[in-house]
Amino acid sequence: MRLDEMLRGIAGFFVLGSLALGHWVHPGFYLFTAFVGLNLLQSAFTCWCPMISLLRALGVRE
C-alpha cells in the first residue's frame, strides 16, 4: 500500500471509529472526529500533514 492510500485509509478508520465510539461509549469521542476533519482541512491548505510525516518516518513508500 502506498503513502496516499494508507493515509486515506487511516483517516477513514479514525473517522468511523470515533463516530462509533461517540455513539456507543461517550459523546466526547466526537471531538476526535472534529480533530481529524480539521487536520484534513488544514492539510489541504498547507500541504503538510503530521500523519504523512509519521508514515514516512516508519518507512512507508511514496
Protein backbone atom coordinates (compact mmCIF):
# COMPACT_ATOMS: atom_id res chain seq x y z
CA MET A 1 0.00 0.00 0.00
CA ARG A 2 1.36 3.40 -0.93
CA LEU A 3 1.50 6.51 1.26
CA ASP A 4 -1.60 8.27 -0.12
CA GLU A 5 -3.73 5.15 0.08
CA MET A 6 -2.57 4.42 3.61
CA LEU A 7 -3.28 8.00 4.70
CA ARG A 8 -6.83 7.87 3.34
CA GLY A 9 -7.41 4.50 4.99
CA ILE A 10 -6.16 5.73 8.37
CA ALA A 11 -8.29 8.90 8.16
CA GLY A 12 -11.38 6.88 7.26
CA PHE A 13 -10.73 4.42 10.08
CA PHE A 14 -10.27 7.27 12.58
CA VAL A 15 -13.48 9.00 11.50
CA LEU A 16 -15.62 5.86 11.52
CA GLY A 17 -14.04 4.58 14.73
CA SER A 18 -14.54 7.84 16.60
CA LEU A 19 -18.14 8.10 15.38
CA ALA A 20 -18.84 4.59 16.66
CA LEU A 21 -17.14 5.33 19.99
CA GLY A 22 -19.07 8.59 20.28
CA HIS A 23 -22.34 6.78 19.70
CA TRP A 24 -21.78 3.72 21.90
CA VAL A 25 -19.26 4.82 24.52
CA HIS A 26 -19.17 8.58 25.19
CA PRO A 27 -20.07 11.66 23.12
CA GLY A 28 -16.66 13.16 23.90
CA PHE A 29 -15.20 10.96 21.16
CA TYR A 30 -16.91 13.23 18.62
CA LEU A 31 -14.17 15.74 19.41
CA PHE A 32 -11.67 13.34 17.86
CA THR A 33 -13.82 13.23 14.72
CA ALA A 34 -13.69 17.03 14.60
CA PHE A 35 -9.91 16.96 15.11
CA VAL A 36 -9.43 14.60 12.17
CA GLY A 37 -11.67 16.76 9.98
CA LEU A 38 -9.81 19.93 10.93
CA ASN A 39 -6.49 18.24 10.26
CA LEU A 40 -7.66 17.16 6.80
CA LEU A 41 -8.84 20.70 6.10
CA GLN A 42 -5.61 22.35 7.22
CA SER A 43 -3.53 19.87 5.21
CA ALA A 44 -5.47 20.83 2.09
CA PHE A 45 -4.30 24.43 2.51
CA THR A 46 -0.80 23.94 3.93
CA CYS A 47 0.20 20.72 2.08
CA TRP A 48 1.53 19.34 5.39
CA CYS A 49 0.02 16.51 7.39
CA PRO A 50 1.52 15.14 10.62
CA MET A 51 0.40 11.60 9.74
CA ILE A 52 2.36 11.71 6.46
CA SER A 53 5.48 12.70 8.40
CA LEU A 54 4.91 9.78 10.77
CA LEU A 55 4.31 7.30 7.95
CA ARG A 56 7.45 8.45 6.13
CA ALA A 57 9.46 8.01 9.33
CA LEU A 58 8.08 4.48 9.57
CA GLY A 59 9.35 3.77 6.05
CA VAL A 60 6.13 3.76 4.03
CA ARG A 61 6.99 4.28 0.37
CA GLU A 62 5.57 7.08 -1.73
